[in-house]
Amino acid sequence: MVALVIVLDAIALLLAIGLYNPQRNEWALRMITGLVFTAYLAYLAAEVRAGKPLLLTGSRGEESLRNALLGLLLIGWPCIKFTFTGFDGWKQEDEDREVNRD
């Protein structure tokens, strides 16, 4: 329980740093998305280890292998993609500003 509080505090601190100046502190945002991907991967591993079947029926809010896979694909994949490649939209905006000044 203490470890969870420490991780959540670290995420909050990284988020504050990253949102203060996203262009200079993109590393903090990348760390957060890496942690989110790791959390979804751990969720999937826990569901597989528990031997839960891939249920296509039931509540969407229940813990299941299907929900773990969907979360990893829909949330985890974009997070790990951002972690490794970053976001080039900020660089594009800077280039557009420089072109408009000329």
PDB file of N, CA and C in Angstrom:
ATOM      1  N   MET A   1       0.818  -1.194   0.000  1.00  0.00           N
ATOM      2  CA  MET A   1       0.000   0.000   0.000  1.00  0.00           C
ATOM      3  C   MET A   1       0.868   1.267   0.000  1.00  0.00           C
ATOM      4  N   VAL A   2       1.945   1.215   0.755  1.00  0.00           N
ATOM      5  CA  VAL A   2       2.848   2.362   0.803  1.00  0.00           C
ATOM      6  C   VAL A   2       3.503   2.570  -0.560  1.00  0.00           C
ATOM      7  N   ALA A   3       3.846   1.474  -1.235  1.00  0.00           N
ATOM      8  CA  ALA A   3       4.465   1.579  -2.560  1.00  0.00           C
ATOM      9  C   ALA A   3       3.512   2.234  -3.550  1.00  0.00           C
ATOM     10  N   LEU A   4       2.235   1.905  -3.465  1.00  0.00           N
ATOM     11  CA  LEU A   4       1.247   2.514  -4.360  1.00  0.00           C
ATOM     12  C   LEU A   4       1.158   4.025  -4.133  1.00  0.00           C
ATOM     13  N   VAL A   5       1.183   4.444  -2.892  1.00  0.00           N
ATOM     14  CA  VAL A   5       1.130   5.874  -2.581  1.00  0.00           C
ATOM     15  C   VAL A   5       2.379   6.579  -3.108  1.00  0.00           C
ATOM     16  N   ILE A   6       3.525   5.943  -2.986  1.00  0.00           N
ATOM     17  CA  ILE A   6       4.773   6.537  -3.482  1.00  0.00           C
ATOM     18  C   ILE A   6       4.721   6.672  -5.001  1.00  0.00           C
ATOM     19  N   VAL A   7       4.230   5.648  -5.693  1.00  0.00           N
ATOM     20  CA  VAL A   7       4.131   5.699  -7.157  1.00  0.00           C
ATOM     21  C   VAL A   7       3.143   6.787  -7.587  1.00  0.00           C
ATOM     22  N   LEU A   8       2.001   6.872  -6.922  1.00  0.00           N
ATOM     23  CA  LEU A   8       1.024   7.905  -7.270  1.00  0.00           C
ATOM     24  C   LEU A   8       1.561   9.305  -7.003  1.00  0.00           C
ATOM     25  N   ASP A   9       2.308   9.485  -5.923  1.00  0.00           N
ATOM     26  CA  ASP A   9       2.935  10.780  -5.647  1.00  0.00           C
ATOM     27  C   ASP A   9       3.967  11.129  -6.717  1.00  0.00           C
ATOM     28  N   ALA A  10       4.740  10.135  -7.137  1.00  0.00           N
ATOM     29  CA  ALA A  10       5.739  10.366  -8.178  1.00  0.00           C
ATOM     30  C   ALA A  10       5.060  10.748  -9.491  1.00  0.00           C
ATOM     31  N   ILE A  11       3.960  10.084  -9.813  1.00  0.00           N
ATOM     32  CA  ILE A  11       3.224  10.420 -11.039  1.00  0.00           C
ATOM     33  C   ILE A  11       2.685  11.842 -10.963  1.00  0.00           C
ATOM     34  N   ALA A  12       2.157  12.229  -9.811  1.00  0.00           N
ATOM     35  CA  ALA A  12       1.635  13.592  -9.658  1.00  0.00           C
ATOM     36  C   ALA A  12       2.752  14.626  -9.814  1.00  0.00           C
ATOM     37  N   LEU A  13       3.909  14.348  -9.245  1.00  0.00           N
ATOM     38  CA  LEU A  13       5.043  15.262  -9.366  1.00  0.00           C
ATOM     39  C   LEU A  13       5.525  15.349 -10.813  1.00  0.00           C
ATOM     40  N   LEU A  14       5.642  14.206 -11.476  1.00  0.00           N
ATOM     41  CA  LEU A  14       6.051  14.201 -12.882  1.00  0.00           C
ATOM     42  C   LEU A  14       5.040  14.933 -13.755  1.00  0.00           C
ATOM     43  N   LEU A  15       3.762  14.763 -13.467  1.00  0.00           N
ATOM     44  CA  LEU A  15       2.732  15.451 -14.233  1.00  0.00           C
ATOM     45  C   LEU A  15       2.831  16.960 -14.052  1.00  0.00           C
ATOM     46  N   ALA A  16       3.065  17.404 -12.835  1.00  0.00           N
ATOM     47  CA  ALA A  16       3.214  18.835 -12.592  1.00  0.00           C
ATOM     48  C   ALA A  16       4.423  19.392 -13.333  1.00  0.00           C
ATOM     49  N   ILE A  17       5.527  18.663 -13.304  1.00  0.00           N
ATOM     50  CA  ILE A  17       6.732  19.102 -14.013  1.00  0.00           C
ATOM     51  C   ILE A  17       6.485  19.123 -15.513  1.00  0.00           C
ATOM     52  N   GLY A  18       5.862  18.074 -16.023  1.00  0.00           N
ATOM     53  CA  GLY A  18       5.621  17.980 -17.457  1.00  0.00           C
ATOM     54  C   GLY A  18       4.653  19.018 -17.977  1.00  0.00           C
ATOM     55  N   LEU A  19       3.636  19.319 -17.203  1.00  0.00           N
ATOM     56  CA  LEU A  19       2.648  20.300 -17.657  1.00  0.00           C
ATOM     57  C   LEU A  19       3.107  21.738 -17.456  1.00  0.00           C
ATOM     58  N   TYR A  20       4.111  21.955 -16.610  1.00  0.00           N
ATOM     59  CA  TYR A  20       4.627  23.306 -16.400  1.00  0.00           C
ATOM     60  C   TYR A  20       5.234  23.838 -17.695  1.00  0.00           C
ATOM     61  N   ASN A  21       6.041  23.005 -18.349  1.00  0.00           N
ATOM     62  CA  ASN A  21       6.628  23.379 -19.631  1.00  0.00           C
ATOM     63  C   ASN A  21       6.784  22.103 -20.456  1.00  0.00           C
ATOM     64  N   PRO A  22       5.755  21.732 -21.220  1.00  0.00           N
ATOM     65  CA  PRO A  22       5.778  20.451 -21.932  1.00  0.00           C
ATOM     66  C   PRO A  22       6.911  20.316 -22.950  1.00  0.00           C
ATOM     67  N   GLN A  23       7.338  21.409 -23.534  1.00  0.00           N
ATOM     68  CA  GLN A  23       8.392  21.312 -24.537  1.00  0.00           C
ATOM     69  C   GLN A  23       9.738  20.963 -23.904  1.00  0.00           C
ATOM     70  N   ARG A  24      10.048  21.555 -22.779  1.00  0.00           N
ATOM     71  CA  ARG A  24      11.333  21.302 -22.125  1.00  0.00           C
ATOM     72  C   ARG A  24      11.303  20.064 -21.245  1.00  0.00           C
ATOM     73  N   ASN A  25      10.143  19.733 -20.716  1.00  0.00           N
ATOM     74  CA  ASN A  25      10.046  18.625 -19.773  1.00  0.00           C
ATOM     75  C   ASN A  25       9.257  17.451 -20.340  1.00  0.00           C
ATOM     76  N   GLU A  26       9.443  17.184 -21.617  1.00  0.00           N
ATOM     77  CA  GLU A  26       8.744  16.063 -22.238  1.00  0.00           C
ATOM     78  C   GLU A  26       9.177  14.742 -21.614  1.00  0.00           C
ATOM     79  N   TRP A  27      10.383  14.680 -21.060  1.00  0.00           N
ATOM     80  CA  TRP A  27      10.865  13.463 -20.413  1.00  0.00           C
ATOM     81  C   TRP A  27       9.950  13.041 -19.271  1.00  0.00           C
ATOM     82  N   ALA A  28       9.393  14.016 -18.550  1.00  0.00           N
ATOM     83  CA  ALA A  28       8.504  13.690 -17.427  1.00  0.00           C
ATOM     84  C   ALA A  28       7.205  13.070 -17.941  1.00  0.00           C
ATOM     85  N   LEU A  29       6.678  13.615 -19.019  1.00  0.00           N
ATOM     86  CA  LEU A  29       5.460  13.064 -19.604  1.00  0.00           C
ATOM     87  C   LEU A  29       5.713  11.670 -20.171  1.00  0.00           C
ATOM     88  N   ARG A  30       6.895  11.460 -20.728  1.00  0.00           N
ATOM     89  CA  ARG A  30       7.245  10.141 -21.244  1.00  0.00           C
ATOM     90  C   ARG A  30       7.358   9.121 -20.113  1.00  0.00           C
ATOM     91  N   MET A  31       7.863   9.538 -18.986  1.00  0.00           N
ATOM     92  CA  MET A  31       7.950   8.622 -17.838  1.00  0.00           C
ATOM     93  C   MET A  31       6.558   8.211 -17.366  1.00  0.00           C
ATOM     94  N   ILE A  32       5.635   9.147 -17.350  1.00  0.00           N
ATOM     95  CA  ILE A  32       4.265   8.831 -16.933  1.00  0.00           C
ATOM     96  C   ILE A  32       3.637   7.826 -17.887  1.00  0.00           C
ATOM     97  N   THR A  33       3.770   8.065 -19.179  1.00  0.00           N
ATOM     98  CA  THR A  33       3.156   7.138 -20.133  1.00  0.00           C
ATOM     99  C   THR A  33       3.833   5.774 -20.074  1.00  0.00           C
ATOM    100  N   GLY A  34       5.112   5.732 -19.768  1.00  0.00           N
ATOM    101  CA  GLY A  34       5.785   4.451 -19.574  1.00  0.00           C
ATOM    102  C   GLY A  34       5.237   3.704 -18.369  1.00  0.00           C
ATOM    103  N   LEU A  35       4.948   4.438 -17.308  1.00  0.00           N
ATOM    104  CA  LEU A  35       4.352   3.820 -16.113  1.00  0.00           C
ATOM    105  C   LEU A  35       2.933   3.323 -16.377  1.00  0.00           C
ATOM    106  N   VAL A  36       2.179   4.065 -17.166  1.00  0.00           N
ATOM    107  CA  VAL A  36       0.816   3.629 -17.508  1.00  0.00           C
ATOM    108  C   VAL A  36       0.872   2.335 -18.317  1.00  0.00           C
ATOM    109  N   PHE A  37       1.774   2.267 -19.294  1.00  0.00           N
ATOM    110  CA  PHE A  37       1.922   1.040 -20.070  1.00  0.00           C
ATOM    111  C   PHE A  37       2.322  -0.120 -19.172  1.00  0.00           C
ATOM    112  N   THR A  38       3.248   0.107 -18.263  1.00  0.00           N
ATOM    113  CA  THR A  38       3.685  -0.940 -17.339  1.00  0.00           C
ATOM    114  C   THR A  38       2.539  -1.415 -16.466  1.00  0.00           C
ATOM    115  N   ALA A  39       1.686  -0.505 -16.034  1.00  0.00           N
ATOM    116  CA  ALA A  39       0.538  -0.881 -15.205  1.00  0.00           C
ATOM    117  C   ALA A  39      -0.432  -1.765 -15.981  1.00  0.00           C
ATOM    118  N   TYR A  40      -0.706  -1.428 -17.238  1.00  0.00           N
ATOM    119  CA  TYR A  40      -1.605  -2.258 -18.048  1.00  0.00           C
ATOM    120  C   TYR A  40      -0.980  -3.611 -18.367  1.00  0.00           C
ATOM    121  N   LEU A  41       0.323  -3.644 -18.554  1.00  0.00           N
ATOM    122  CA  LEU A  41       1.007  -4.906 -18.790  1.00  0.00           C
ATOM    123  C   LEU A  41       0.947  -5.790 -17.544  1.00  0.00           C
ATOM    124  N   ALA A  42       1.110  -5.186 -16.370  1.00  0.00           N
ATOM    125  CA  ALA A  42       1.000  -5.937 -15.115  1.00  0.00           C
ATOM    126  C   ALA A  42      -0.424  -6.443 -14.906  1.00  0.00           C
ATOM    127  N   TYR A  43      -1.412  -5.647 -15.281  1.00  0.00           N
ATOM    128  CA  TYR A  43      -2.817  -6.062 -15.192  1.00  0.00           C
ATOM    129  C   TYR A  43      -3.066  -7.278 -16.077  1.00  0.00           C
ATOM    130  N   LEU A  44      -2.554  -7.244 -17.306  1.00  0.00           N
ATOM    131  CA  LEU A  44      -2.705  -8.374 -18.210  1.00  0.00           C
ATOM    132  C   LEU A  44      -2.003  -9.609 -17.656  1.00  0.00           C
ATOM    133  N   ALA A  45      -0.804  -9.439 -17.133  1.00  0.00           N
ATOM    134  CA  ALA A  45      -0.070 -10.568 -16.572  1.00  0.00           C
ATOM    135  C   ALA A  45      -0.799 -11.167 -15.376  1.00  0.00           C
ATOM    136  N   ALA A  46      -1.396 -10.338 -14.548  1.00  0.00           N
ATOM    137  CA  ALA A  46      -2.136 -10.831 -13.384  1.00  0.00           C
ATOM    138  C   ALA A  46      -3.368 -11.622 -13.810  1.00  0.00           C
ATOM    139  N   GLU A  47      -4.032 -11.160 -14.847  1.00  0.00           N
ATOM    140  CA  GLU A  47      -5.216 -11.867 -15.333  1.00  0.00           C
ATOM    141  C   GLU A  47      -4.835 -13.208 -15.965  1.00  0.00           C
ATOM    142  N   VAL A  48      -3.730 -13.239 -16.695  1.00  0.00           N
ATOM    143  CA  VAL A  48      -3.270 -14.492 -17.296  1.00  0.00           C
ATOM    144  C   VAL A  48      -2.826 -15.451 -16.201  1.00  0.00           C
ATOM    145  N   ARG A  49      -2.085 -14.938 -15.205  1.00  0.00           N
ATOM    146  CA  ARG A  49      -1.613 -15.767 -14.100  1.00  0.00           C
ATOM    147  C   ARG A  49      -2.773 -16.340 -13.300  1.00  0.00           C
ATOM    148  N   ALA A  50      -3.865 -15.592 -13.191  1.00  0.00           N
ATOM    149  CA  ALA A  50      -5.037 -16.071 -12.457  1.00  0.00           C
ATOM    150  C   ALA A  50      -5.807 -17.123 -13.254  1.00  0.00           C
ATOM    151  N   GLY A  51      -5.472 -17.282 -14.519  1.00  0.00           N
ATOM    152  CA  GLY A  51      -6.114 -18.282 -15.351  1.00  0.00           C
ATOM    153  C   GLY A  51      -7.527 -17.935 -15.757  1.00  0.00           C
ATOM    154  N   LYS A  52      -7.818 -16.654 -15.819  1.00  0.00           N
ATOM    155  CA  LYS A  52      -9.163 -16.234 -16.209  1.00  0.00           C
ATOM    156  C   LYS A  52      -9.368 -16.432 -17.703  1.00  0.00           C
ATOM    157  N   PRO A  53     -10.543 -16.925 -18.080  1.00  0.00           N
ATOM    158  CA  PRO A  53     -10.808 -17.127 -19.512  1.00  0.00           C
ATOM    159  C   PRO A  53     -11.117 -15.796 -20.201  1.00  0.00           C
ATOM    160  N   LEU A  54     -10.994 -15.802 -21.508  1.00  0.00           N
ATOM    161  CA  LEU A  54     -11.321 -14.621 -22.301  1.00  0.00           C
ATOM    162  C   LEU A  54     -12.830 -14.576 -22.470  1.00  0.00           C
ATOM    163  N   LEU A  55     -13.494 -13.829 -21.596  1.00  0.00           N
ATOM    164  CA  LEU A  55     -14.952 -13.746 -21.620  1.00  0.00           C
ATOM    165  C   LEU A  55     -15.398 -12.615 -22.531  1.00  0.00           C
ATOM    166  N   LEU A  56     -16.275 -12.932 -23.434  1.00  0.00           N
ATOM    167  CA  LEU A  56     -16.822 -11.902 -24.317  1.00  0.00           C
ATOM    168  C   LEU A  56     -18.158 -11.394 -23.805  1.00  0.00           C
ATOM    169  N   THR A  57     -18.638 -11.973 -22.727  1.00  0.00           N
ATOM    170  CA  THR A  57     -19.888 -11.535 -22.114  1.00  0.00           C
ATOM    171  C   THR A  57     -19.581 -11.049 -20.706  1.00  0.00           C
ATOM    172  N   GLY A  58     -20.549 -10.456 -20.081  1.00  0.00           N
ATOM    173  CA  GLY A  58     -20.380  -9.971 -18.718  1.00  0.00           C
ATOM    174  C   GLY A  58     -20.250  -8.465 -18.676  1.00  0.00           C
ATOM    175  N   SER A  59     -20.090  -7.964 -17.487  1.00  0.00           N
ATOM    176  CA  SER A  59     -19.999  -6.529 -17.279  1.00  0.00           C
ATOM    177  C   SER A  59     -18.668  -5.982 -17.784  1.00  0.00           C
ATOM    178  N   ARG A  60     -18.716  -4.804 -18.366  1.00  0.00           N
ATOM    179  CA  ARG A  60     -17.482  -4.172 -18.830  1.00  0.00           C
ATOM    180  C   ARG A  60     -16.628  -3.683 -17.670  1.00  0.00           C
ATOM    181  N   GLY A  61     -17.209  -3.551 -16.493  1.00  0.00           N
ATOM    182  CA  GLY A  61     -16.467  -3.042 -15.349  1.00  0.00           C
ATOM    183  C   GLY A  61     -15.742  -4.108 -14.552  1.00  0.00           C
ATOM    184  N   GLU A  62     -16.007  -5.360 -14.830  1.00  0.00           N
ATOM    185  CA  GLU A  62     -15.364  -6.437 -14.087  1.00  0.00           C
ATOM    186  C   GLU A  62     -13.927  -6.635 -14.572  1.00  0.00           C
ATOM    187  N   GLU A  63     -13.076  -7.122 -13.657  1.00  0.00           N
ATOM    188  CA  GLU A  63     -11.727  -7.477 -14.060  1.00  0.00           C
ATOM    189  C   GLU A  63     -11.803  -8.738 -14.900  1.00  0.00           C
ATOM    190  N   SER A  64     -11.242  -8.686 -16.095  1.00  0.00           N
ATOM    191  CA  SER A  64     -11.251  -9.846 -16.962  1.00  0.00           C
ATOM    192  C   SER A  64     -10.076  -9.764 -17.922  1.00  0.00           C
ATOM    193  N   LEU A  65      -9.780 -10.884 -18.524  1.00  0.00           N
ATOM    194  CA  LEU A  65      -8.703 -10.928 -19.501  1.00  0.00           C
ATOM    195  C   LEU A  65      -9.040 -10.055 -20.706  1.00  0.00           C
ATOM    196  N   ARG A  66     -10.306 -10.039 -21.101  1.00  0.00           N
ATOM    197  CA  ARG A  66     -10.741  -9.195 -22.220  1.00  0.00           C
ATOM    198  C   ARG A  66     -10.493  -7.722 -21.908  1.00  0.00           C
ATOM    199  N   ASN A  67     -10.856  -7.284 -20.710  1.00  0.00           N
ATOM    200  CA  ASN A  67     -10.652  -5.874 -20.349  1.00  0.00           C
ATOM    201  C   ASN A  67      -9.166  -5.531 -20.249  1.00  0.00           C
ATOM    202  N   ALA A  68      -8.355  -6.485 -19.799  1.00  0.00           N
ATOM    203  CA  ALA A  68      -6.914  -6.246 -19.726  1.00  0.00           C
ATOM    204  C   ALA A  68      -6.327  -6.084 -21.123  1.00  0.00           C
ATOM    205  N   LEU A  69      -6.754  -6.938 -22.041  1.00  0.00           N
ATOM    206  CA  LEU A  69      -6.274  -6.830 -23.420  1.00  0.00           C
ATOM    207  C   LEU A  69      -6.733  -5.532 -24.082  1.00  0.00           C
ATOM    208  N   LEU A  70      -8.006  -5.203 -23.889  1.00  0.00           N
ATOM    209  CA  LEU A  70      -8.518  -3.955 -24.470  1.00  0.00           C
ATOM    210  C   LEU A  70      -7.798  -2.734 -23.895  1.00  0.00           C
ATOM    211  N   GLY A  71      -7.569  -2.728 -22.597  1.00  0.00           N
ATOM    212  CA  GLY A  71      -6.861  -1.609 -21.982  1.00  0.00           C
ATOM    213  C   GLY A  71      -5.444  -1.487 -22.493  1.00  0.00           C
ATOM    214  N   LEU A  72      -4.776  -2.637 -22.658  1.00  0.00           N
ATOM    215  CA  LEU A  72      -3.407  -2.605 -23.169  1.00  0.00           C
ATOM    216  C   LEU A  72      -3.372  -2.108 -24.613  1.00  0.00           C
ATOM    217  N   LEU A  73      -4.337  -2.515 -25.411  1.00  0.00           N
ATOM    218  CA  LEU A  73      -4.356  -2.086 -26.807  1.00  0.00           C
ATOM    219  C   LEU A  73      -4.803  -0.637 -26.976  1.00  0.00           C
ATOM    220  N   LEU A  74      -5.844  -0.229 -26.262  1.00  0.00           N
ATOM    221  CA  LEU A  74      -6.422   1.095 -26.474  1.00  0.00           C
ATOM    222  C   LEU A  74      -5.743   2.207 -25.680  1.00  0.00           C
ATOM    223  N   ILE A  75      -5.166   1.862 -24.551  1.00  0.00           N
ATOM    224  CA  ILE A  75      -4.512   2.880 -23.721  1.00  0.00           C
ATOM    225  C   ILE A  75      -3.006   2.632 -23.631  1.00  0.00           C
ATOM    226  N   GLY A  76      -2.631   1.389 -23.409  1.00  0.00           N
ATOM    227  CA  GLY A  76      -1.219   1.058 -23.241  1.00  0.00           C
ATOM    228  C   GLY A  76      -0.385   1.265 -24.497  1.00  0.00           C
ATOM    229  N   TRP A  77      -0.920   0.839 -25.666  1.00  0.00           N
ATOM    230  CA  TRP A  77      -0.152   0.992 -26.904  1.00  0.00           C
ATOM    231  C   TRP A  77       0.145   2.458 -27.229  1.00  0.00           C
ATOM    232  N   PRO A  78      -0.835   3.370 -27.204  1.00  0.00           N
ATOM    233  CA  PRO A  78      -0.485   4.780 -27.457  1.00  0.00           C
ATOM    234  C   PRO A  78       0.498   5.332 -26.420  1.00  0.00           C
ATOM    235  N   CYS A  79       0.391   4.857 -25.187  1.00  0.00           N
ATOM    236  CA  CYS A  79       1.324   5.329 -24.149  1.00  0.00           C
ATOM    237  C   CYS A  79       2.751   4.907 -24.457  1.00  0.00           C
ATOM    238  N   ILE A  80       2.954   3.635 -24.817  1.00  0.00           N
ATOM    239  CA  ILE A  80       4.320   3.188 -25.089  1.00  0.00           C
ATOM    240  C   ILE A  80       4.847   3.801 -26.383  1.00  0.00           C
ATOM    241  N   LYS A  81       3.956   4.065 -27.319  1.00  0.00           N
ATOM    242  CA  LYS A  81       4.366   4.730 -28.557  1.00  0.00           C
ATOM    243  C   LYS A  81       4.870   6.140 -28.249  1.00  0.00           C
ATOM    244  N   PHE A  82       4.133   6.869 -27.395  1.00  0.00           N
ATOM    245  CA  PHE A  82       4.575   8.211 -27.003  1.00  0.00           C
ATOM    246  C   PHE A  82       5.868   8.141 -26.201  1.00  0.00           C
ATOM    247  N   THR A  83       6.000   7.121 -25.348  1.00  0.00           N
ATOM    248  CA  THR A  83       7.200   6.989 -24.528  1.00  0.00           C
ATOM    249  C   THR A  83       8.449   6.891 -25.397  1.00  0.00           C
ATOM    250  N   PHE A  84       8.382   6.125 -26.472  1.00  0.00           N
ATOM    251  CA  PHE A  84       9.563   5.918 -27.299  1.00  0.00           C
ATOM    252  C   PHE A  84       9.729   6.941 -28.414  1.00  0.00           C
ATOM    253  N   THR A  85       8.639   7.449 -28.968  1.00  0.00           N
ATOM    254  CA  THR A  85       8.770   8.364 -30.103  1.00  0.00           C
ATOM    255  C   THR A  85       8.527   9.821 -29.755  1.00  0.00           C
ATOM    256  N   GLY A  86       7.803  10.089 -28.688  1.00  0.00           N
ATOM    257  CA  GLY A  86       7.519  11.467 -28.312  1.00  0.00           C
ATOM    258  C   GLY A  86       6.406  12.070 -29.142  1.00  0.00           C
ATOM    259  N   PHE A  87       6.245  13.361 -28.997  1.00  0.00           N
ATOM    260  CA  PHE A  87       5.200  14.100 -29.697  1.00  0.00           C
ATOM    261  C   PHE A  87       5.874  15.197 -30.488  1.00  0.00           C
ATOM    262  N   ASP A  88       5.783  15.121 -31.798  1.00  0.00           N
ATOM    263  CA  ASP A  88       6.455  16.118 -32.623  1.00  0.00           C
ATOM    264  C   ASP A  88       5.562  17.300 -32.966  1.00  0.00           C
ATOM    265  N   GLY A  89       4.359  17.333 -32.442  1.00  0.00           N
ATOM    266  CA  GLY A  89       3.451  18.442 -32.708  1.00  0.00           C
ATOM    267  C   GLY A  89       3.962  19.764 -32.181  1.00  0.00           C
ATOM    268  N   TRP A  90       4.677  19.732 -31.043  1.00  0.00           N
ATOM    269  CA  TRP A  90       5.231  20.966 -30.496  1.00  0.00           C
ATOM    270  C   TRP A  90       6.305  21.509 -31.421  1.00  0.00           C
ATOM    271  N   LYS A  91       7.123  20.642 -31.983  1.00  0.00           N
ATOM    272  CA  LYS A  91       8.168  21.081 -32.895  1.00  0.00           C
ATOM    273  C   LYS A  91       7.551  21.664 -34.159  1.00  0.00           C
ATOM    274  N   GLN A  92       6.471  21.065 -34.629  1.00  0.00           N
ATOM    275  CA  GLN A  92       5.779  21.554 -35.826  1.00  0.00           C
ATOM    276  C   GLN A  92       5.203  22.949 -35.575  1.00  0.00           C
ATOM    277  N   GLU A  93       4.639  23.169 -34.383  1.00  0.00           N
ATOM    278  CA  GLU A  93       4.092  24.483 -34.060  1.00  0.00           C
ATOM    279  C   GLU A  93       5.196  25.536 -34.037  1.00  0.00           C
ATOM    280  N   ASP A  94       6.365  25.186 -33.501  1.00  0.00           N
ATOM    281  CA  ASP A  94       7.477  26.129 -33.476  1.00  0.00           C
ATOM    282  C   ASP A  94       7.933  26.472 -34.893  1.00  0.00           C
ATOM    283  N   GLU A  95       7.989  25.470 -35.762  1.00  0.00           N
ATOM    284  CA  GLU A  95       8.385  25.734 -37.147  1.00  0.00           C
ATOM    285  C   GLU A  95       7.365  26.614 -37.850  1.00  0.00           C
ATOM    286  N   ASP A  96       6.086  26.411 -37.584  1.00  0.00           N
ATOM    287  CA  ASP A  96       5.034  27.230 -38.190  1.00  0.00           C
ATOM    288  C   ASP A  96       5.163  28.683 -37.736  1.00  0.00           C
ATOM    289  N   ARG A  97       5.486  28.899 -36.461  1.00  0.00           N
ATOM    290  CA  ARG A  97       5.652  30.271 -35.959  1.00  0.00           C
ATOM    291  C   ARG A  97       6.824  30.964 -36.647  1.00  0.00           C
ATOM    292  N   GLU A  98       7.927  30.218 -36.837  1.00  0.00           N
ATOM    293  CA  GLU A  98       9.089  30.809 -37.491  1.00  0.00           C
ATOM    294  C   GLU A  98       8.794  31.154 -38.935  1.00  0.00           C
ATOM    295  N   VAL A  99       8.030  30.329 -39.634  1.00  0.00           N
ATOM    296  CA  VAL A  99       7.681  30.600 -41.027  1.00  0.00           C
ATOM    297  C   VAL A  99       6.779  31.828 -41.104  1.00  0.00           C
ATOM    298  N   ASN A 100       5.853  31.972 -40.155  1.00  0.00           N
ATOM    299  CA  ASN A 100       4.924  33.113 -40.180  1.00  0.00           C
ATOM    300  C   ASN A 100       5.633  34.430 -39.861  1.00  0.00           C
ATOM    301  N   ARG A 101       6.757  34.382 -39.135  1.00  0.00           N
ATOM    302  CA  ARG A 101       7.484  35.607 -38.804  1.00  0.00           C
ATOM    303  C   ARG A 101       8.178  36.181 -40.026  1.00  0.00           C
ATOM    304  N   ASP A 102       8.583  35.321 -40.944  1.00  0.00           N
ATOM    305  CA  ASP A 102       9.337  35.785 -42.120  1.00  0.00           C
ATOM    306  C   ASP A 102       8.499  36.466 -43.134  1.00  0.00           C
TER     307      ASP A 102
END
